Amino acid sequence: MVDLLFGFQGRANRAKWWLVALAIFVVEMIVVAAVFGGAALSGDPQQMAAAMGPIASIVIFIMVVLATWIHLAIAVKRYHDRNKSGWWVLIIFVPVIGGLWYFIECGFLRGTAGPNTYGPDPLAAA
């Protein structure tokens, strides 16, 4: 599990990508609700800033760093499953089309059948 979330080697299928994305979303919502409480529901940035103290700022910062790292790791593994370099993750920075390309490539397109340059097929063991 640690290798899946923090390592950049190997391959990950679509199901793992979706599960990790969903898990991170749920954890982020729980942390935001815990840190901001009712201020998050108001949507008022000033009220949210007032509710956030120094400890909450540190918690949010750590959560953002961990979530970013995990998203990068799983995205690189999805590109590896598609037999592409992990550097394809940078497509997200292309305005308009980059995010859509990333979402379709990682979330919907099947990986390479059988072993490829980055390792064995993750679905072969299933």
N, C-alpha and C. Protein backbone atom coordinates (compact mmCIF):
# COMPACT_ATOMS: atom_id res chain seq x y z
N MET A 1 0.83 -1.20 0.00
CA MET A 1 0.00 0.00 0.00
C MET A 1 0.87 1.26 0.00
N VAL A 2 1.94 1.25 0.80
CA VAL A 2 2.83 2.42 0.86
C VAL A 2 3.46 2.65 -0.50
N ASP A 3 3.86 1.57 -1.18
CA ASP A 3 4.47 1.71 -2.50
C ASP A 3 3.46 2.28 -3.50
N LEU A 4 2.20 1.86 -3.39
CA LEU A 4 1.17 2.38 -4.30
C LEU A 4 0.97 3.88 -4.10
N LEU A 5 0.95 4.33 -2.86
CA LEU A 5 0.66 5.73 -2.57
C LEU A 5 1.85 6.67 -2.67
N PHE A 6 3.05 6.16 -2.42
CA PHE A 6 4.20 7.06 -2.35
C PHE A 6 5.30 6.77 -3.37
N GLY A 7 5.29 5.60 -3.99
CA GLY A 7 6.32 5.24 -4.95
C GLY A 7 5.95 5.64 -6.36
N PHE A 8 6.97 5.76 -7.21
CA PHE A 8 6.75 6.18 -8.59
C PHE A 8 7.11 5.08 -9.59
N GLN A 9 7.36 3.87 -9.11
CA GLN A 9 7.72 2.75 -9.98
C GLN A 9 6.52 1.83 -10.13
N GLY A 10 6.44 1.16 -11.27
CA GLY A 10 5.39 0.18 -11.48
C GLY A 10 4.18 0.74 -12.20
N ARG A 11 3.10 -0.03 -12.14
CA ARG A 11 1.88 0.30 -12.88
C ARG A 11 0.68 0.26 -11.95
N ALA A 12 -0.35 1.00 -12.29
CA ALA A 12 -1.61 0.99 -11.54
C ALA A 12 -2.76 1.01 -12.54
N ASN A 13 -3.75 0.18 -12.29
CA ASN A 13 -4.89 0.15 -13.20
C ASN A 13 -5.89 1.27 -12.87
N ARG A 14 -6.93 1.37 -13.70
CA ARG A 14 -7.92 2.44 -13.51
C ARG A 14 -8.62 2.36 -12.17
N ALA A 15 -8.94 1.16 -11.73
CA ALA A 15 -9.67 1.01 -10.46
C ALA A 15 -8.86 1.58 -9.30
N LYS A 16 -7.57 1.33 -9.27
CA LYS A 16 -6.73 1.88 -8.20
C LYS A 16 -6.68 3.40 -8.29
N TRP A 17 -6.59 3.93 -9.50
CA TRP A 17 -6.55 5.38 -9.68
C TRP A 17 -7.84 6.00 -9.14
N TRP A 18 -8.98 5.43 -9.50
CA TRP A 18 -10.26 5.96 -9.04
C TRP A 18 -10.41 5.83 -7.53
N LEU A 19 -10.00 4.70 -6.96
CA LEU A 19 -10.11 4.50 -5.51
C LEU A 19 -9.25 5.49 -4.74
N VAL A 20 -8.03 5.71 -5.21
CA VAL A 20 -7.15 6.67 -4.55
C VAL A 20 -7.72 8.08 -4.66
N ALA A 21 -8.20 8.46 -5.84
CA ALA A 21 -8.78 9.79 -6.02
C ALA A 21 -10.00 9.99 -5.12
N LEU A 22 -10.84 8.98 -5.04
CA LEU A 22 -12.03 9.06 -4.18
C LEU A 22 -11.64 9.13 -2.70
N ALA A 23 -10.68 8.31 -2.30
CA ALA A 23 -10.24 8.31 -0.90
C ALA A 23 -9.65 9.66 -0.51
N ILE A 24 -8.84 10.25 -1.38
CA ILE A 24 -8.25 11.56 -1.08
C ILE A 24 -9.34 12.62 -0.99
N PHE A 25 -10.32 12.57 -1.87
CA PHE A 25 -11.43 13.52 -1.83
C PHE A 25 -12.18 13.42 -0.51
N VAL A 26 -12.49 12.20 -0.08
CA VAL A 26 -13.22 12.00 1.17
C VAL A 26 -12.41 12.50 2.36
N VAL A 27 -11.13 12.17 2.40
CA VAL A 27 -10.27 12.63 3.50
C VAL A 27 -10.19 14.15 3.52
N GLU A 28 -10.04 14.75 2.34
CA GLU A 28 -9.99 16.22 2.28
C GLU A 28 -11.28 16.84 2.80
N MET A 29 -12.42 16.28 2.45
CA MET A 29 -13.69 16.82 2.93
C MET A 29 -13.83 16.69 4.44
N ILE A 30 -13.37 15.57 4.98
CA ILE A 30 -13.43 15.37 6.43
C ILE A 30 -12.52 16.37 7.14
N VAL A 31 -11.31 16.55 6.64
CA VAL A 31 -10.37 17.50 7.27
C VAL A 31 -10.89 18.92 7.17
N VAL A 32 -11.41 19.30 6.02
CA VAL A 32 -11.95 20.65 5.85
C VAL A 32 -13.12 20.87 6.81
N ALA A 33 -14.00 19.89 6.93
CA ALA A 33 -15.14 20.02 7.84
C ALA A 33 -14.67 20.11 9.29
N ALA A 34 -13.65 19.34 9.63
CA ALA A 34 -13.14 19.36 11.00
C ALA A 34 -12.42 20.67 11.32
N VAL A 35 -11.68 21.19 10.37
CA VAL A 35 -10.90 22.41 10.61
C VAL A 35 -11.79 23.65 10.58
N PHE A 36 -12.65 23.74 9.58
CA PHE A 36 -13.43 24.94 9.42
C PHE A 36 -14.80 24.88 10.08
N GLY A 37 -15.30 23.70 10.33
CA GLY A 37 -16.61 23.56 10.95
C GLY A 37 -17.69 24.20 10.10
N GLY A 38 -18.54 24.99 10.73
CA GLY A 38 -19.64 25.66 10.04
C GLY A 38 -19.18 26.76 9.10
N ALA A 39 -17.95 27.26 9.31
CA ALA A 39 -17.46 28.34 8.45
C ALA A 39 -17.30 27.85 7.01
N ALA A 40 -17.01 26.58 6.82
CA ALA A 40 -16.85 26.03 5.47
C ALA A 40 -18.17 26.03 4.72
N LEU A 41 -19.26 25.85 5.44
CA LEU A 41 -20.57 25.82 4.80
C LEU A 41 -21.02 27.20 4.33
N SER A 42 -20.54 28.23 5.01
CA SER A 42 -20.96 29.58 4.64
C SER A 42 -20.37 30.02 3.31
N GLY A 43 -19.17 29.51 2.99
CA GLY A 43 -18.51 29.89 1.75
C GLY A 43 -17.85 31.26 1.81
N ASP A 44 -17.92 31.91 2.97
CA ASP A 44 -17.33 33.23 3.14
C ASP A 44 -15.83 33.09 3.44
N PRO A 45 -14.94 33.55 2.56
CA PRO A 45 -13.51 33.39 2.77
C PRO A 45 -13.01 34.07 4.06
N GLN A 46 -13.59 35.21 4.42
CA GLN A 46 -13.15 35.90 5.63
C GLN A 46 -13.51 35.10 6.87
N GLN A 47 -14.70 34.52 6.88
CA GLN A 47 -15.11 33.70 8.01
C GLN A 47 -14.26 32.43 8.10
N MET A 48 -13.91 31.86 6.96
CA MET A 48 -13.07 30.67 6.94
C MET A 48 -11.66 30.99 7.43
N ALA A 49 -11.12 32.14 7.00
CA ALA A 49 -9.79 32.55 7.45
C ALA A 49 -9.77 32.80 8.95
N ALA A 50 -10.85 33.38 9.48
CA ALA A 50 -10.93 33.64 10.91
C ALA A 50 -11.01 32.33 11.70
N ALA A 51 -11.63 31.31 11.13
CA ALA A 51 -11.78 30.02 11.82
C ALA A 51 -10.48 29.22 11.81
N MET A 52 -9.58 29.57 10.91
CA MET A 52 -8.35 28.80 10.76
C MET A 52 -7.22 29.40 11.60
N GLY A 53 -6.80 28.68 12.60
CA GLY A 53 -5.69 29.10 13.44
C GLY A 53 -4.38 28.53 12.92
N PRO A 54 -3.30 28.71 13.67
CA PRO A 54 -1.99 28.23 13.21
C PRO A 54 -1.92 26.70 13.12
N ILE A 55 -2.54 25.99 14.04
CA ILE A 55 -2.52 24.53 13.99
C ILE A 55 -3.30 24.05 12.77
N ALA A 56 -4.44 24.65 12.53
CA ALA A 56 -5.25 24.27 11.37
C ALA A 56 -4.50 24.55 10.08
N SER A 57 -3.75 25.63 10.04
CA SER A 57 -2.96 25.96 8.85
C SER A 57 -1.92 24.88 8.58
N ILE A 58 -1.29 24.40 9.63
CA ILE A 58 -0.28 23.35 9.49
C ILE A 58 -0.93 22.06 9.02
N VAL A 59 -2.08 21.73 9.59
CA VAL A 59 -2.80 20.51 9.19
C VAL A 59 -3.18 20.58 7.72
N ILE A 60 -3.72 21.71 7.30
CA ILE A 60 -4.11 21.88 5.89
C ILE A 60 -2.89 21.79 4.98
N PHE A 61 -1.79 22.42 5.37
CA PHE A 61 -0.57 22.38 4.56
C PHE A 61 -0.07 20.95 4.40
N ILE A 62 -0.02 20.21 5.50
CA ILE A 62 0.44 18.81 5.44
C ILE A 62 -0.49 17.99 4.56
N MET A 63 -1.79 18.20 4.70
CA MET A 63 -2.76 17.47 3.89
C MET A 63 -2.56 17.77 2.39
N VAL A 64 -2.33 19.02 2.06
CA VAL A 64 -2.14 19.39 0.65
C VAL A 64 -0.87 18.76 0.09
N VAL A 65 0.21 18.79 0.86
CA VAL A 65 1.47 18.20 0.40
C VAL A 65 1.31 16.69 0.20
N LEU A 66 0.72 16.00 1.18
CA LEU A 66 0.51 14.55 1.06
C LEU A 66 -0.41 14.21 -0.11
N ALA A 67 -1.50 14.93 -0.25
CA ALA A 67 -2.44 14.66 -1.34
C ALA A 67 -1.79 14.88 -2.70
N THR A 68 -0.99 15.93 -2.82
CA THR A 68 -0.29 16.21 -4.08
C THR A 68 0.68 15.10 -4.42
N TRP A 69 1.46 14.67 -3.43
CA TRP A 69 2.44 13.60 -3.64
C TRP A 69 1.73 12.31 -4.07
N ILE A 70 0.66 11.96 -3.37
CA ILE A 70 -0.07 10.73 -3.68
C ILE A 70 -0.71 10.81 -5.06
N HIS A 71 -1.28 11.96 -5.40
CA HIS A 71 -1.85 12.13 -6.73
C HIS A 71 -0.78 11.98 -7.81
N LEU A 72 0.38 12.57 -7.60
CA LEU A 72 1.47 12.43 -8.56
C LEU A 72 1.91 10.98 -8.71
N ALA A 73 2.07 10.29 -7.58
CA ALA A 73 2.53 8.90 -7.62
C ALA A 73 1.55 8.01 -8.38
N ILE A 74 0.27 8.13 -8.09
CA ILE A 74 -0.71 7.27 -8.75
C ILE A 74 -0.88 7.66 -10.22
N ALA A 75 -0.75 8.95 -10.55
CA ALA A 75 -0.85 9.38 -11.95
C ALA A 75 0.33 8.86 -12.76
N VAL A 76 1.53 8.91 -12.20
CA VAL A 76 2.71 8.38 -12.89
C VAL A 76 2.51 6.89 -13.16
N LYS A 77 1.99 6.17 -12.19
CA LYS A 77 1.76 4.74 -12.37
C LYS A 77 0.68 4.47 -13.41
N ARG A 78 -0.32 5.35 -13.50
CA ARG A 78 -1.33 5.19 -14.55
C ARG A 78 -0.71 5.40 -15.92
N TYR A 79 0.14 6.42 -16.05
CA TYR A 79 0.81 6.62 -17.33
C TYR A 79 1.73 5.46 -17.65
N HIS A 80 2.39 4.91 -16.64
CA HIS A 80 3.21 3.72 -16.87
C HIS A 80 2.34 2.57 -17.37
N ASP A 81 1.14 2.42 -16.82
CA ASP A 81 0.24 1.37 -17.26
C ASP A 81 -0.16 1.57 -18.72
N ARG A 82 -0.19 2.81 -19.17
CA ARG A 82 -0.50 3.12 -20.57
C ARG A 82 0.75 3.07 -21.44
N ASN A 83 1.89 2.63 -20.84
CA ASN A 83 3.20 2.52 -21.50
C ASN A 83 3.72 3.88 -21.97
N LYS A 84 3.52 4.86 -21.10
CA LYS A 84 4.02 6.21 -21.35
C LYS A 84 4.87 6.64 -20.18
N SER A 85 5.73 7.59 -20.42
CA SER A 85 6.58 8.14 -19.37
C SER A 85 5.73 8.86 -18.32
N GLY A 86 6.19 8.83 -17.08
CA GLY A 86 5.51 9.55 -16.01
C GLY A 86 5.50 11.05 -16.21
N TRP A 87 6.39 11.54 -17.06
CA TRP A 87 6.44 12.97 -17.35
C TRP A 87 5.17 13.47 -18.02
N TRP A 88 4.36 12.55 -18.54
CA TRP A 88 3.09 12.95 -19.15
C TRP A 88 2.16 13.60 -18.14
N VAL A 89 2.45 13.43 -16.87
CA VAL A 89 1.64 14.09 -15.82
C VAL A 89 1.63 15.60 -16.04
N LEU A 90 2.70 16.12 -16.60
CA LEU A 90 2.80 17.57 -16.81
C LEU A 90 1.80 18.10 -17.83
N ILE A 91 1.09 17.20 -18.51
CA ILE A 91 0.06 17.64 -19.47
C ILE A 91 -1.01 18.47 -18.77
N ILE A 92 -1.15 18.29 -17.48
CA ILE A 92 -2.15 19.02 -16.69
C ILE A 92 -1.94 20.53 -16.77
N PHE A 93 -0.71 20.96 -17.06
CA PHE A 93 -0.40 22.39 -17.11
C PHE A 93 -0.72 23.03 -18.46
N VAL A 94 -1.15 22.23 -19.43
CA VAL A 94 -1.55 22.79 -20.72
C VAL A 94 -2.95 23.37 -20.54
N PRO A 95 -3.13 24.66 -20.81
CA PRO A 95 -4.44 25.27 -20.58
C PRO A 95 -5.56 24.57 -21.35
N VAL A 96 -6.69 24.52 -20.76
CA VAL A 96 -7.95 24.00 -21.28
C VAL A 96 -7.91 22.48 -21.52
N ILE A 97 -7.12 22.02 -22.44
CA ILE A 97 -7.16 20.62 -22.86
C ILE A 97 -6.35 19.70 -21.94
N GLY A 98 -5.36 20.23 -21.23
CA GLY A 98 -4.48 19.39 -20.42
C GLY A 98 -5.20 18.62 -19.33
N GLY A 99 -6.05 19.28 -18.57
CA GLY A 99 -6.78 18.61 -17.49
C GLY A 99 -7.73 17.56 -18.03
N LEU A 100 -8.39 17.87 -19.14
CA LEU A 100 -9.30 16.92 -19.76
C LEU A 100 -8.54 15.70 -20.28
N TRP A 101 -7.41 15.94 -20.91
CA TRP A 101 -6.57 14.86 -21.42
C TRP A 101 -6.13 13.95 -20.28
N TYR A 102 -5.64 14.54 -19.20
CA TYR A 102 -5.20 13.78 -18.03
C TYR A 102 -6.34 12.94 -17.47
N PHE A 103 -7.52 13.54 -17.32
CA PHE A 103 -8.67 12.86 -16.75
C PHE A 103 -9.09 11.67 -17.60
N ILE A 104 -9.15 11.85 -18.91
CA ILE A 104 -9.55 10.77 -19.81
C ILE A 104 -8.49 9.68 -19.84
N GLU A 105 -7.23 10.09 -19.96
CA GLU A 105 -6.13 9.12 -20.07
C GLU A 105 -6.00 8.26 -18.81
N CYS A 106 -6.08 8.88 -17.66
CA CYS A 106 -5.89 8.14 -16.40
C CYS A 106 -7.17 7.46 -15.93
N GLY A 107 -8.29 8.09 -16.13
CA GLY A 107 -9.51 7.57 -15.56
C GLY A 107 -10.31 6.63 -16.43
N PHE A 108 -10.12 6.66 -17.74
CA PHE A 108 -11.02 5.91 -18.61
C PHE A 108 -10.34 4.96 -19.59
N LEU A 109 -9.12 5.24 -20.00
CA LEU A 109 -8.47 4.40 -21.00
C LEU A 109 -7.75 3.22 -20.35
N ARG A 110 -7.90 2.05 -20.96
CA ARG A 110 -7.29 0.84 -20.42
C ARG A 110 -5.77 0.90 -20.60
N GLY A 111 -5.08 0.26 -19.68
CA GLY A 111 -3.62 0.18 -19.77
C GLY A 111 -3.20 -0.82 -20.82
N THR A 112 -1.90 -0.90 -21.03
CA THR A 112 -1.33 -1.84 -21.99
C THR A 112 -1.58 -3.26 -21.51
N ALA A 113 -2.09 -4.11 -22.39
CA ALA A 113 -2.31 -5.51 -22.04
C ALA A 113 -0.96 -6.22 -21.98
N GLY A 114 -0.78 -7.01 -20.94
CA GLY A 114 0.47 -7.73 -20.77
C GLY A 114 1.58 -6.84 -20.25
N PRO A 115 2.76 -7.40 -20.10
CA PRO A 115 3.87 -6.60 -19.57
C PRO A 115 4.29 -5.52 -20.56
N ASN A 116 4.80 -4.42 -20.02
CA ASN A 116 5.35 -3.36 -20.87
C ASN A 116 6.67 -2.90 -20.26
N THR A 117 7.18 -1.79 -20.72
CA THR A 117 8.47 -1.27 -20.26
C THR A 117 8.51 -1.03 -18.76
N TYR A 118 7.36 -0.76 -18.16
CA TYR A 118 7.31 -0.35 -16.74
C TYR A 118 6.93 -1.48 -15.80
N GLY A 119 6.69 -2.67 -16.30
CA GLY A 119 6.41 -3.79 -15.42
C GLY A 119 5.29 -4.67 -15.93
N PRO A 120 4.92 -5.67 -15.11
CA PRO A 120 3.86 -6.59 -15.52
C PRO A 120 2.48 -5.94 -15.47
N ASP A 121 1.56 -6.53 -16.19
CA ASP A 121 0.18 -6.04 -16.22
C ASP A 121 -0.45 -6.18 -14.82
N PRO A 122 -0.94 -5.08 -14.24
CA PRO A 122 -1.55 -5.19 -12.91
C PRO A 122 -2.85 -5.99 -12.91
N LEU A 123 -3.48 -6.13 -14.06
CA LEU A 123 -4.71 -6.92 -14.15
C LEU A 123 -4.44 -8.41 -14.35
N ALA A 124 -3.22 -8.76 -14.73
CA ALA A 124 -2.88 -10.17 -14.97
C ALA A 124 -2.95 -10.98 -13.69
N ALA A 125 -2.62 -10.35 -12.55
CA ALA A 125 -2.64 -11.06 -11.28
C ALA A 125 -4.06 -11.20 -10.75
N ALA A 126 -4.97 -10.34 -11.22
CA ALA A 126 -6.36 -10.36 -10.70
C ALA A 126 -7.17 -11.48 -11.27
